[in-house]
Amino acid sequence: MFKNTSENRVKKIYDYIQEELNKQYSKIMLDAEEKAQEIISEATANAKSLYLEKIDEIKNEFNKIKNKSIAEAEFNAKQKILKQKNELIHSIFDCALSKLKQYITTDVYVKFLEKSLMEIALNTRSGKIEILLCDSDTIISENIIKALEEKINHKLNTDVSFIISQEKIRAAGGFIARCADGKISYNYTFEAILDRIKEPLRPVVSKILFE
């Protein structure tokens, strides 16, 4: 009987220990699970935060590249448009020069020459003026120059002498006049005349073409 009692006590102690072990095990497992969940939650939160930061970085970088690309594209487009406009305006003045060349064999050209020589006579009042004609000029002769000289001196009460130079200039039309001492010269070539009026006329031409 004593033996049975001892066995019962041992069994109760064993059962108690086993129960406590089970409790501890369950607690450890529960703690472990909770800790694991906590770690997972924290890791997930950190990962999400890092992910969102990375996404923001990528978005910001993309926007920078996009904005830069857009800005560059807009700049390049504006430059191309400006280039096209300048080329078109330039072609207008080239066309004007071509049309002026058509007058080189007409009476209009003689009138242009007379008006230009009058301006020179008013500036110099007297002395010899050498006239350098363009190499394509076929209408202006010594007789025409002398006739204009007489007319201008009589009209303006000046004493200038216009002499056609043997030297020719390369120009679409017009002439260059220079005083005998070479210190003063007047450029009445078509190219020079167009250059003088080009800048003041550019806004006008641009407005007509592009507005």
N, C-alpha and C. Protein backbone atom coordinates (compact mmCIF):
# COMPACT_ATOMS: atom_id res chain seq x y z
N MET A 1 0.84 -1.21 0.00
CA MET A 1 0.00 0.00 0.00
C MET A 1 0.86 1.24 0.00
N PHE A 2 1.95 1.10 0.75
CA PHE A 2 2.89 2.21 0.81
C PHE A 2 3.51 2.46 -0.56
N LYS A 3 3.75 1.32 -1.22
CA LYS A 3 4.34 1.43 -2.57
C LYS A 3 3.41 2.15 -3.52
N ASN A 4 2.16 1.80 -3.46
CA ASN A 4 1.18 2.47 -4.34
C ASN A 4 1.08 3.94 -4.04
N THR A 5 1.13 4.24 -2.77
CA THR A 5 1.05 5.65 -2.37
C THR A 5 2.24 6.41 -2.90
N SER A 6 3.41 5.84 -2.83
CA SER A 6 4.62 6.49 -3.34
C SER A 6 4.54 6.69 -4.85
N GLU A 7 4.08 5.67 -5.53
CA GLU A 7 3.94 5.78 -7.00
C GLU A 7 2.97 6.88 -7.38
N ASN A 8 1.89 6.95 -6.61
CA ASN A 8 0.90 8.01 -6.89
C ASN A 8 1.51 9.40 -6.71
N ARG A 9 2.31 9.51 -5.63
CA ARG A 9 2.93 10.81 -5.39
C ARG A 9 3.91 11.18 -6.51
N VAL A 10 4.70 10.19 -6.90
CA VAL A 10 5.66 10.44 -8.00
C VAL A 10 4.92 10.84 -9.27
N LYS A 11 3.83 10.12 -9.54
CA LYS A 11 3.05 10.41 -10.75
C LYS A 11 2.48 11.82 -10.70
N LYS A 12 1.98 12.20 -9.48
CA LYS A 12 1.43 13.55 -9.34
C LYS A 12 2.51 14.61 -9.57
N ILE A 13 3.70 14.32 -8.98
CA ILE A 13 4.81 15.27 -9.19
C ILE A 13 5.18 15.35 -10.67
N TYR A 14 5.25 14.21 -11.30
CA TYR A 14 5.58 14.16 -12.74
C TYR A 14 4.54 14.91 -13.55
N ASP A 15 3.28 14.61 -13.20
CA ASP A 15 2.19 15.30 -13.93
C ASP A 15 2.27 16.80 -13.72
N TYR A 16 2.60 17.20 -12.50
CA TYR A 16 2.69 18.62 -12.19
C TYR A 16 3.81 19.27 -13.01
N ILE A 17 4.95 18.58 -12.97
CA ILE A 17 6.10 19.11 -13.73
C ILE A 17 5.77 19.19 -15.22
N GLN A 18 5.12 18.12 -15.70
CA GLN A 18 4.75 18.09 -17.11
C GLN A 18 3.80 19.21 -17.45
N GLU A 19 2.86 19.44 -16.53
CA GLU A 19 1.89 20.52 -16.75
C GLU A 19 2.59 21.87 -16.77
N GLU A 20 3.52 22.04 -15.82
CA GLU A 20 4.27 23.30 -15.77
C GLU A 20 5.12 23.49 -17.02
N LEU A 21 5.73 22.36 -17.41
CA LEU A 21 6.53 22.43 -18.65
C LEU A 21 5.67 22.80 -19.85
N ASN A 22 4.50 22.17 -19.88
CA ASN A 22 3.58 22.50 -20.98
C ASN A 22 3.18 23.97 -20.95
N LYS A 23 2.92 24.45 -19.70
CA LYS A 23 2.56 25.87 -19.57
C LYS A 23 3.70 26.78 -20.04
N GLN A 24 4.92 26.42 -19.55
CA GLN A 24 6.09 27.22 -19.94
C GLN A 24 6.32 27.15 -21.44
N TYR A 25 6.16 25.92 -21.95
CA TYR A 25 6.35 25.73 -23.40
C TYR A 25 5.34 26.56 -24.18
N SER A 26 4.07 26.46 -23.69
CA SER A 26 3.01 27.23 -24.36
C SER A 26 3.30 28.72 -24.29
N LYS A 27 3.78 29.15 -23.08
CA LYS A 27 4.09 30.57 -22.90
C LYS A 27 5.25 31.00 -23.80
N ILE A 28 6.27 30.11 -23.81
CA ILE A 28 7.43 30.41 -24.67
C ILE A 28 7.00 30.49 -26.13
N MET A 29 6.19 29.52 -26.54
CA MET A 29 5.72 29.51 -27.92
C MET A 29 4.88 30.73 -28.23
N LEU A 30 4.02 31.06 -27.24
CA LEU A 30 3.18 32.24 -27.43
C LEU A 30 4.01 33.50 -27.53
N ASP A 31 4.99 33.59 -26.61
CA ASP A 31 5.90 34.74 -26.64
C ASP A 31 6.68 34.78 -27.95
N ALA A 32 7.12 33.59 -28.34
CA ALA A 32 7.89 33.50 -29.59
C ALA A 32 7.05 33.93 -30.78
N GLU A 33 5.82 33.45 -30.79
CA GLU A 33 4.91 33.83 -31.88
C GLU A 33 4.64 35.33 -31.88
N GLU A 34 4.38 35.82 -30.64
CA GLU A 34 4.13 37.26 -30.53
C GLU A 34 5.35 38.06 -30.96
N LYS A 35 6.52 37.59 -30.50
CA LYS A 35 7.76 38.27 -30.88
C LYS A 35 7.98 38.21 -32.38
N ALA A 36 7.71 37.01 -32.91
CA ALA A 36 7.86 36.84 -34.35
C ALA A 36 6.93 37.78 -35.12
N GLN A 37 5.68 37.83 -34.63
CA GLN A 37 4.70 38.72 -35.27
C GLN A 37 5.14 40.18 -35.14
N GLU A 38 5.68 40.49 -33.95
CA GLU A 38 6.16 41.86 -33.72
C GLU A 38 7.30 42.20 -34.67
N ILE A 39 8.23 41.22 -34.76
CA ILE A 39 9.38 41.42 -35.66
C ILE A 39 8.92 41.55 -37.11
N ILE A 40 8.00 40.65 -37.47
CA ILE A 40 7.48 40.68 -38.85
C ILE A 40 6.77 42.00 -39.12
N SER A 41 5.96 42.42 -38.15
CA SER A 41 5.23 43.68 -38.31
C SER A 41 6.19 44.85 -38.45
N GLU A 42 7.21 44.85 -37.56
CA GLU A 42 8.20 45.93 -37.59
C GLU A 42 8.99 45.90 -38.89
N ALA A 43 9.39 44.68 -39.27
CA ALA A 43 10.15 44.53 -40.52
C ALA A 43 9.31 44.95 -41.72
N THR A 44 8.03 44.56 -41.67
CA THR A 44 7.12 44.94 -42.75
C THR A 44 6.97 46.45 -42.83
N ALA A 45 6.80 47.06 -41.63
CA ALA A 45 6.65 48.51 -41.59
C ALA A 45 7.91 49.20 -42.11
N ASN A 46 9.08 48.69 -41.66
CA ASN A 46 10.35 49.26 -42.12
C ASN A 46 10.53 49.07 -43.62
N ALA A 47 10.20 47.86 -44.06
CA ALA A 47 10.33 47.57 -45.49
C ALA A 47 9.41 48.46 -46.31
N LYS A 48 8.20 48.63 -45.80
CA LYS A 48 7.24 49.48 -46.51
C LYS A 48 7.73 50.92 -46.54
N SER A 49 8.27 51.37 -45.39
CA SER A 49 8.80 52.72 -45.32
C SER A 49 9.94 52.92 -46.30
N LEU A 50 10.87 51.93 -46.30
CA LEU A 50 11.99 51.99 -47.25
C LEU A 50 11.50 51.94 -48.69
N TYR A 51 10.50 51.09 -48.91
CA TYR A 51 9.92 50.97 -50.25
C TYR A 51 9.33 52.29 -50.70
N LEU A 52 8.54 52.91 -49.80
CA LEU A 52 7.91 54.18 -50.14
C LEU A 52 8.95 55.28 -50.37
N GLU A 53 10.01 55.26 -49.53
CA GLU A 53 11.09 56.23 -49.72
C GLU A 53 11.75 56.03 -51.08
N LYS A 54 11.98 54.77 -51.41
CA LYS A 54 12.62 54.45 -52.70
C LYS A 54 11.72 54.86 -53.86
N ILE A 55 10.42 54.58 -53.68
CA ILE A 55 9.47 54.96 -54.73
C ILE A 55 9.47 56.48 -54.90
N ASP A 56 9.50 57.20 -53.76
CA ASP A 56 9.54 58.66 -53.82
C ASP A 56 10.81 59.15 -54.52
N GLU A 57 11.94 58.49 -54.20
CA GLU A 57 13.20 58.85 -54.85
C GLU A 57 13.11 58.62 -56.36
N ILE A 58 12.56 57.46 -56.71
CA ILE A 58 12.42 57.12 -58.13
C ILE A 58 11.49 58.12 -58.83
N LYS A 59 10.38 58.45 -58.15
CA LYS A 59 9.43 59.41 -58.73
C LYS A 59 10.08 60.78 -58.90
N ASN A 60 10.81 61.20 -57.85
CA ASN A 60 11.49 62.50 -57.91
C ASN A 60 12.52 62.54 -59.02
N GLU A 61 13.27 61.44 -59.12
CA GLU A 61 14.28 61.35 -60.18
C GLU A 61 13.62 61.35 -61.55
N PHE A 62 12.52 60.62 -61.65
CA PHE A 62 11.78 60.58 -62.91
C PHE A 62 11.25 61.96 -63.28
N ASN A 63 10.69 62.67 -62.28
CA ASN A 63 10.15 64.01 -62.53
C ASN A 63 11.25 64.97 -62.95
N LYS A 64 12.44 64.82 -62.31
CA LYS A 64 13.56 65.67 -62.69
C LYS A 64 13.95 65.44 -64.14
N ILE A 65 14.07 64.15 -64.46
CA ILE A 65 14.43 63.78 -65.84
C ILE A 65 13.35 64.25 -66.81
N LYS A 66 12.08 64.02 -66.42
CA LYS A 66 10.96 64.40 -67.29
C LYS A 66 10.94 65.91 -67.49
N ASN A 67 11.07 66.65 -66.36
CA ASN A 67 11.04 68.11 -66.44
C ASN A 67 12.22 68.63 -67.24
N LYS A 68 13.39 67.99 -67.02
CA LYS A 68 14.57 68.39 -67.77
C LYS A 68 14.38 68.11 -69.25
N SER A 69 13.83 66.93 -69.54
CA SER A 69 13.58 66.55 -70.93
C SER A 69 12.58 67.49 -71.58
N ILE A 70 11.52 67.82 -70.82
CA ILE A 70 10.50 68.74 -71.35
C ILE A 70 11.11 70.11 -71.59
N ALA A 71 11.91 70.57 -70.60
CA ALA A 71 12.55 71.88 -70.73
C ALA A 71 13.50 71.91 -71.93
N GLU A 72 14.28 70.82 -72.07
CA GLU A 72 15.21 70.74 -73.20
C GLU A 72 14.44 70.67 -74.51
N ALA A 73 13.37 69.90 -74.51
CA ALA A 73 12.56 69.77 -75.73
C ALA A 73 11.94 71.11 -76.10
N GLU A 74 11.42 71.82 -75.09
CA GLU A 74 10.82 73.13 -75.34
C GLU A 74 11.87 74.11 -75.85
N PHE A 75 13.06 74.08 -75.21
CA PHE A 75 14.14 74.98 -75.62
C PHE A 75 14.58 74.68 -77.05
N ASN A 76 14.77 73.39 -77.34
CA ASN A 76 15.18 72.99 -78.69
C ASN A 76 14.13 73.36 -79.73
N ALA A 77 12.86 73.19 -79.35
CA ALA A 77 11.77 73.54 -80.26
C ALA A 77 11.76 75.04 -80.53
N LYS A 78 11.94 75.82 -79.46
CA LYS A 78 11.96 77.28 -79.61
C LYS A 78 13.13 77.72 -80.47
N GLN A 79 14.29 77.07 -80.26
CA GLN A 79 15.47 77.40 -81.06
C GLN A 79 15.25 77.08 -82.53
N LYS A 80 14.61 75.94 -82.79
CA LYS A 80 14.34 75.55 -84.17
C LYS A 80 13.35 76.51 -84.83
N ILE A 81 12.32 76.89 -84.06
CA ILE A 81 11.33 77.84 -84.58
C ILE A 81 11.99 79.18 -84.87
N LEU A 82 12.84 79.64 -83.92
CA LEU A 82 13.54 80.91 -84.09
C LEU A 82 14.45 80.86 -85.31
N LYS A 83 15.12 79.72 -85.48
CA LYS A 83 15.99 79.54 -86.64
C LYS A 83 15.19 79.62 -87.94
N GLN A 84 14.03 78.94 -87.96
CA GLN A 84 13.18 78.97 -89.14
C GLN A 84 12.69 80.38 -89.44
N LYS A 85 12.32 81.10 -88.38
CA LYS A 85 11.85 82.48 -88.56
C LYS A 85 12.96 83.35 -89.13
N ASN A 86 14.17 83.22 -88.56
CA ASN A 86 15.30 84.01 -89.04
C ASN A 86 15.64 83.68 -90.48
N GLU A 87 15.58 82.39 -90.81
CA GLU A 87 15.86 81.99 -92.19
C GLU A 87 14.81 82.55 -93.15
N LEU A 88 13.56 82.56 -92.71
CA LEU A 88 12.49 83.10 -93.55
C LEU A 88 12.66 84.60 -93.75
N ILE A 89 12.97 85.31 -92.65
CA ILE A 89 13.20 86.76 -92.74
C ILE A 89 14.40 87.03 -93.64
N HIS A 90 15.45 86.23 -93.47
CA HIS A 90 16.64 86.38 -94.30
C HIS A 90 16.30 86.18 -95.78
N SER A 91 15.45 85.21 -96.06
CA SER A 91 15.05 84.94 -97.45
C SER A 91 14.25 86.11 -98.04
N ILE A 92 13.50 86.81 -97.17
CA ILE A 92 12.75 87.98 -97.62
C ILE A 92 13.70 89.06 -98.11
N PHE A 93 14.78 89.30 -97.33
CA PHE A 93 15.75 90.32 -97.73
C PHE A 93 16.56 89.87 -98.94
N ASP A 94 16.82 88.57 -99.05
CA ASP A 94 17.48 88.05 -100.25
C ASP A 94 16.62 88.28 -101.48
N CYS A 95 15.32 88.07 -101.30
CA CYS A 95 14.37 88.30 -102.39
C CYS A 95 14.35 89.77 -102.78
N ALA A 96 14.40 90.65 -101.76
CA ALA A 96 14.42 92.09 -102.01
C ALA A 96 15.66 92.48 -102.81
N LEU A 97 16.80 91.87 -102.45
CA LEU A 97 18.04 92.15 -103.17
C LEU A 97 17.94 91.70 -104.62
N SER A 98 17.35 90.55 -104.84
CA SER A 98 17.17 90.04 -106.21
C SER A 98 16.29 90.97 -107.03
N LYS A 99 15.24 91.49 -106.40
CA LYS A 99 14.34 92.40 -107.11
C LYS A 99 15.02 93.73 -107.42
N LEU A 100 15.87 94.19 -106.47
CA LEU A 100 16.61 95.43 -106.71
C LEU A 100 17.54 95.30 -107.92
N LYS A 101 18.11 94.11 -108.08
CA LYS A 101 19.03 93.86 -109.20
C LYS A 101 18.34 94.05 -110.55
N GLN A 102 17.03 93.85 -110.57
CA GLN A 102 16.28 93.99 -111.82
C GLN A 102 16.23 95.43 -112.31
N TYR A 103 16.45 96.38 -111.38
CA TYR A 103 16.37 97.80 -111.75
C TYR A 103 17.67 98.35 -112.31
N ILE A 104 18.73 97.53 -112.32
CA ILE A 104 20.05 98.03 -112.66
C ILE A 104 20.17 98.48 -114.12
N THR A 105 19.25 98.03 -114.96
CA THR A 105 19.29 98.42 -116.38
C THR A 105 18.12 99.33 -116.76
N THR A 106 17.50 99.96 -115.77
CA THR A 106 16.33 100.80 -116.04
C THR A 106 16.58 102.25 -115.65
N ASP A 107 15.64 103.11 -116.04
CA ASP A 107 15.73 104.53 -115.68
C ASP A 107 15.60 104.74 -114.18
N VAL A 108 14.93 103.81 -113.51
CA VAL A 108 14.80 103.90 -112.05
C VAL A 108 16.19 103.90 -111.40
N TYR A 109 17.10 103.13 -111.98
CA TYR A 109 18.45 103.03 -111.44
C TYR A 109 19.19 104.36 -111.61
N VAL A 110 18.97 105.02 -112.73
CA VAL A 110 19.59 106.33 -112.97
C VAL A 110 19.08 107.35 -111.95
N LYS A 111 17.79 107.31 -111.67
CA LYS A 111 17.20 108.21 -110.67
C LYS A 111 17.78 107.93 -109.28
N PHE A 112 17.98 106.65 -108.98
CA PHE A 112 18.61 106.27 -107.71
C PHE A 112 20.02 106.84 -107.63
N LEU A 113 20.75 106.74 -108.72
CA LEU A 113 22.11 107.27 -108.78
C LEU A 113 22.12 108.78 -108.57
N GLU A 114 21.20 109.47 -109.25
CA GLU A 114 21.12 110.93 -109.12
C GLU A 114 20.84 111.36 -107.67
N LYS A 115 19.88 110.71 -107.05
CA LYS A 115 19.53 111.05 -105.67
C LYS A 115 20.70 110.79 -104.72
N SER A 116 21.39 109.69 -104.94
CA SER A 116 22.52 109.34 -104.09
C SER A 116 23.67 110.34 -104.26
N LEU A 117 23.95 110.72 -105.51
CA LEU A 117 25.02 111.68 -105.77
C LEU A 117 24.69 113.06 -105.21
N MET A 118 23.41 113.41 -105.19
CA MET A 118 22.98 114.68 -104.59
C MET A 118 23.29 114.69 -103.08
N GLU A 119 23.05 113.59 -102.42
CA GLU A 119 23.36 113.49 -100.99
C GLU A 119 24.85 113.66 -100.75
N ILE A 120 25.65 113.05 -101.61
CA ILE A 120 27.10 113.16 -101.48
C ILE A 120 27.55 114.60 -101.72
N ALA A 121 26.99 115.24 -102.74
CA ALA A 121 27.35 116.63 -103.06
C ALA A 121 27.00 117.57 -101.91
N LEU A 122 25.87 117.33 -101.28
CA LEU A 122 25.47 118.16 -100.13
C LEU A 122 26.45 118.00 -98.97
N ASN A 123 27.01 116.82 -98.81
CA ASN A 123 27.96 116.57 -97.72
C ASN A 123 29.34 117.13 -98.02
N THR A 124 29.79 117.00 -99.25
CA THR A 124 31.16 117.40 -99.58
C THR A 124 31.24 118.84 -100.09
N ARG A 125 30.22 119.30 -100.78
CA ARG A 125 30.10 120.66 -101.35
C ARG A 125 31.06 120.89 -102.52
N SER A 126 32.27 120.35 -102.45
CA SER A 126 33.21 120.56 -103.55
C SER A 126 34.24 119.43 -103.56
N GLY A 127 35.05 119.42 -104.65
CA GLY A 127 36.11 118.44 -104.74
C GLY A 127 35.78 117.29 -105.68
N LYS A 128 36.80 116.47 -105.91
CA LYS A 128 36.64 115.32 -106.80
C LYS A 128 36.10 114.11 -106.02
N ILE A 129 35.12 113.48 -106.63
CA ILE A 129 34.52 112.28 -106.03
C ILE A 129 34.67 111.13 -107.03
N GLU A 130 35.34 110.08 -106.59
CA GLU A 130 35.55 108.91 -107.44
C GLU A 130 34.38 107.94 -107.26
N ILE A 131 33.82 107.49 -108.38
CA ILE A 131 32.67 106.58 -108.35
C ILE A 131 33.12 105.19 -108.78
N LEU A 132 32.94 104.22 -107.88
CA LEU A 132 33.27 102.83 -108.18
C LEU A 132 31.97 102.08 -108.45
N LEU A 133 31.77 101.74 -109.71
CA LEU A 133 30.54 101.04 -110.11
C LEU A 133 30.70 99.53 -109.91
N CYS A 134 29.57 98.84 -109.80
CA CYS A 134 29.63 97.38 -109.66
C CYS A 134 29.95 96.75 -111.01
N ASP A 135 30.54 95.57 -110.98
CA ASP A 135 31.01 94.94 -112.21
C ASP A 135 29.89 94.54 -113.16
N SER A 136 28.65 94.48 -112.65
CA SER A 136 27.51 94.11 -113.51
C SER A 136 26.79 95.34 -114.07
N ASP A 137 27.28 96.51 -113.74
CA ASP A 137 26.64 97.75 -114.19
C ASP A 137 26.99 98.02 -115.66
N THR A 138 25.96 98.11 -116.49
CA THR A 138 26.18 98.35 -117.92
C THR A 138 25.51 99.63 -118.42
N ILE A 139 24.70 100.26 -117.57
CA ILE A 139 23.92 101.40 -118.02
C ILE A 139 24.58 102.75 -117.70
N ILE A 140 25.34 102.81 -116.62
CA ILE A 140 25.94 104.07 -116.20
C ILE A 140 27.23 104.33 -116.99
N SER A 141 27.22 105.43 -117.72
CA SER A 141 28.38 105.78 -118.53
C SER A 141 28.96 107.11 -118.05
N GLU A 142 30.11 107.46 -118.62
CA GLU A 142 30.74 108.74 -118.28
C GLU A 142 29.83 109.91 -118.63
N ASN A 143 29.11 109.78 -119.74
CA ASN A 143 28.20 110.86 -120.17
C ASN A 143 27.08 111.07 -119.16
N ILE A 144 26.51 109.97 -118.66
CA ILE A 144 25.43 110.07 -117.67
C ILE A 144 25.95 110.72 -116.39
N ILE A 145 27.14 110.31 -115.95
CA ILE A 145 27.73 110.87 -114.74
C ILE A 145 27.97 112.37 -114.90
N LYS A 146 28.51 112.79 -116.03
CA LYS A 146 28.79 114.21 -116.25
C LYS A 146 27.50 115.02 -116.34
N ALA A 147 26.47 114.43 -116.94
CA ALA A 147 25.18 115.11 -117.02
C ALA A 147 24.59 115.29 -115.62
N LEU A 148 24.70 114.28 -114.79
CA LEU A 148 24.21 114.37 -113.41
C LEU A 148 25.04 115.37 -112.60
N GLU A 149 26.34 115.38 -112.84
CA GLU A 149 27.23 116.32 -112.14
C GLU A 149 26.81 117.76 -112.43
N GLU A 150 26.59 118.07 -113.69
CA GLU A 150 26.18 119.43 -114.07
C GLU A 150 24.82 119.79 -113.46
N LYS A 151 23.90 118.87 -113.51
CA LYS A 151 22.55 119.10 -112.96
C LYS A 151 22.59 119.33 -111.45
N ILE A 152 23.38 118.51 -110.76
CA ILE A 152 23.46 118.60 -109.29
C ILE A 152 24.14 119.90 -108.86
N ASN A 153 25.27 120.24 -109.50
CA ASN A 153 25.99 121.47 -109.14
C ASN A 153 25.13 122.70 -109.37
N HIS A 154 24.38 122.68 -110.44
CA HIS A 154 23.50 123.82 -110.75
C HIS A 154 22.36 123.91 -109.73
N LYS A 155 21.79 122.78 -109.39
CA LYS A 155 20.64 122.75 -108.48
C LYS A 155 21.03 123.06 -107.04
N LEU A 156 22.17 122.55 -106.61
CA LEU A 156 22.57 122.69 -105.20
C LEU A 156 23.63 123.77 -104.98
N ASN A 157 24.08 124.38 -106.05
CA ASN A 157 25.14 125.40 -105.97
C ASN A 157 26.40 124.80 -105.33
N THR A 158 26.76 123.63 -105.79
CA THR A 158 27.97 122.96 -105.31
C THR A 158 29.01 122.93 -106.41
N ASP A 159 30.20 122.44 -106.08
CA ASP A 159 31.27 122.36 -107.06
C ASP A 159 31.98 121.01 -106.93
N VAL A 160 31.24 119.97 -107.24
CA VAL A 160 31.81 118.63 -107.15
C VAL A 160 32.08 118.09 -108.54
N SER A 161 33.05 117.19 -108.61
CA SER A 161 33.39 116.57 -109.88
C SER A 161 33.36 115.05 -109.69
N PHE A 162 32.44 114.42 -110.40
CA PHE A 162 32.29 112.97 -110.30
C PHE A 162 33.09 112.29 -111.40
N ILE A 163 33.94 111.34 -111.01
CA ILE A 163 34.79 110.63 -111.96
C ILE A 163 34.57 109.12 -111.79
N ILE A 164 34.30 108.45 -112.89
CA ILE A 164 34.13 106.99 -112.84
C ILE A 164 35.50 106.32 -112.73
N SER A 165 35.66 105.52 -111.70
CA SER A 165 36.92 104.81 -111.47
C SER A 165 37.01 103.59 -112.39
N GLN A 166 38.24 103.24 -112.71
CA GLN A 166 38.47 102.01 -113.47
C GLN A 166 38.29 100.77 -112.59
N GLU A 167 38.35 101.00 -111.29
CA GLU A 167 38.19 99.90 -110.33
C GLU A 167 36.71 99.52 -110.21
N LYS A 168 36.42 98.25 -110.25
CA LYS A 168 35.05 97.76 -110.14
C LYS A 168 34.85 97.07 -108.77
N ILE A 169 33.62 97.05 -108.34
CA ILE A 169 33.30 96.39 -107.07
C ILE A 169 32.35 95.22 -107.32
N ARG A 170 32.43 94.23 -106.45
CA ARG A 170 31.52 93.09 -106.55
C ARG A 170 30.30 93.38 -105.69
N ALA A 171 29.19 93.65 -106.35
CA ALA A 171 27.94 93.97 -105.64
C ALA A 171 26.77 93.69 -106.57
N ALA A 172 25.60 93.53 -105.98
CA ALA A 172 24.39 93.28 -106.78
C ALA A 172 24.01 94.51 -107.58
N GLY A 173 24.37 95.66 -107.07
CA GLY A 173 24.04 96.92 -107.73
C GLY A 173 24.47 98.07 -106.85
N GLY A 174 24.35 99.30 -107.39
CA GLY A 174 24.77 100.46 -106.63
C GLY A 174 26.23 100.79 -106.86
N PHE A 175 26.80 101.58 -105.97
CA PHE A 175 28.18 102.03 -106.17
C PHE A 175 28.79 102.44 -104.83
N ILE A 176 30.08 102.67 -104.87
CA ILE A 176 30.81 103.26 -103.73
C ILE A 176 31.45 104.54 -104.22
N ALA A 177 31.29 105.62 -103.47
CA ALA A 177 31.91 106.90 -103.81
C ALA A 177 32.95 107.22 -102.75
N ARG A 178 34.08 107.76 -103.19
CA ARG A 178 35.10 108.15 -102.22
C ARG A 178 35.79 109.43 -102.68
N CYS A 179 36.15 110.22 -101.68
CA CYS A 179 36.83 111.48 -101.97
C CYS A 179 38.23 111.19 -102.52
N ALA A 180 38.80 112.19 -103.17
CA ALA A 180 40.09 111.99 -103.82
C ALA A 180 41.18 111.60 -102.84
N ASP A 181 41.10 112.13 -101.60
CA ASP A 181 42.12 111.79 -100.61
C ASP A 181 41.89 110.42 -99.97
N GLY A 182 40.75 109.81 -100.28
CA GLY A 182 40.45 108.47 -99.77
C GLY A 182 40.02 108.43 -98.32
N LYS A 183 39.91 109.58 -97.67
CA LYS A 183 39.56 109.61 -96.25
C LYS A 183 38.07 109.37 -96.00
N ILE A 184 37.25 109.80 -96.94
CA ILE A 184 35.80 109.65 -96.78
C ILE A 184 35.25 108.81 -97.92
N SER A 185 34.41 107.86 -97.59
CA SER A 185 33.77 107.06 -98.63
C SER A 185 32.30 106.87 -98.29
N TYR A 186 31.52 106.63 -99.32
CA TYR A 186 30.07 106.45 -99.17
C TYR A 186 29.69 105.15 -99.87
N ASN A 187 29.04 104.27 -99.12
CA ASN A 187 28.66 102.97 -99.67
C ASN A 187 27.18 102.99 -100.04
N TYR A 188 26.93 103.01 -101.33
CA TYR A 188 25.55 102.99 -101.84
C TYR A 188 25.26 101.70 -102.61
N THR A 189 25.96 100.63 -102.26
CA THR A 189 25.63 99.34 -102.88
C THR A 189 24.29 98.87 -102.34
N PHE A 190 23.61 98.05 -103.12
CA PHE A 190 22.31 97.53 -102.69
C PHE A 190 22.44 96.76 -101.37
N GLU A 191 23.54 96.00 -101.26
CA GLU A 191 23.75 95.22 -100.03
C GLU A 191 23.85 96.13 -98.81
N ALA A 192 24.62 97.22 -98.95
CA ALA A 192 24.81 98.14 -97.82
C ALA A 192 23.51 98.85 -97.46
N ILE A 193 22.76 99.22 -98.48
CA ILE A 193 21.47 99.89 -98.24
C ILE A 193 20.52 98.95 -97.50
N LEU A 194 20.46 97.69 -97.93
CA LEU A 194 19.61 96.71 -97.25
C LEU A 194 20.07 96.47 -95.81
N ASP A 195 21.39 96.41 -95.62
CA ASP A 195 21.92 96.21 -94.26
C ASP A 195 21.52 97.35 -93.33
N ARG A 196 21.49 98.57 -93.88
CA ARG A 196 21.15 99.73 -93.05
C ARG A 196 19.69 99.72 -92.62
N ILE A 197 18.83 99.19 -93.47
CA ILE A 197 17.40 99.21 -93.14
C ILE A 197 16.91 97.87 -92.57
N LYS A 198 17.79 96.86 -92.58
CA LYS A 198 17.37 95.51 -92.19
C LYS A 198 16.89 95.45 -90.74
N GLU A 199 17.68 95.97 -89.81
CA GLU A 199 17.32 95.88 -88.39
C GLU A 199 16.03 96.64 -88.08
N PRO A 200 15.87 97.89 -88.56
CA PRO A 200 14.60 98.57 -88.30
C PRO A 200 13.39 97.86 -88.93
N LEU A 201 13.63 97.17 -90.05
CA LEU A 201 12.53 96.51 -90.75
C LEU A 201 12.20 95.12 -90.22
N ARG A 202 13.14 94.51 -89.51
CA ARG A 202 12.92 93.14 -89.02
C ARG A 202 11.64 92.99 -88.20
N PRO A 203 11.37 93.89 -87.22
CA PRO A 203 10.12 93.75 -86.46
C PRO A 203 8.87 93.86 -87.33
N VAL A 204 8.94 94.73 -88.34
CA VAL A 204 7.80 94.92 -89.24
C VAL A 204 7.58 93.66 -90.07
N VAL A 205 8.67 93.14 -90.63
CA VAL A 205 8.59 91.92 -91.44
C VAL A 205 8.11 90.75 -90.59
N SER A 206 8.66 90.66 -89.37
CA SER A 206 8.28 89.57 -88.45
C SER A 206 6.80 89.63 -88.10
N LYS A 207 6.30 90.83 -87.87
CA LYS A 207 4.89 91.00 -87.52
C LYS A 207 3.99 90.57 -88.67
N ILE A 208 4.37 90.95 -89.88
CA ILE A 208 3.57 90.59 -91.06
C ILE A 208 3.59 89.08 -91.28
N LEU A 209 4.74 88.46 -91.06
CA LEU A 209 4.88 87.03 -91.33
C LEU A 209 4.25 86.14 -90.26
N PHE A 210 4.40 86.53 -88.99
CA PHE A 210 4.11 85.59 -87.90
C PHE A 210 2.95 85.98 -86.99
N GLU A 211 2.29 87.08 -87.26
CA GLU A 211 1.16 87.46 -86.41
C GLU A 211 -0.13 87.45 -87.21
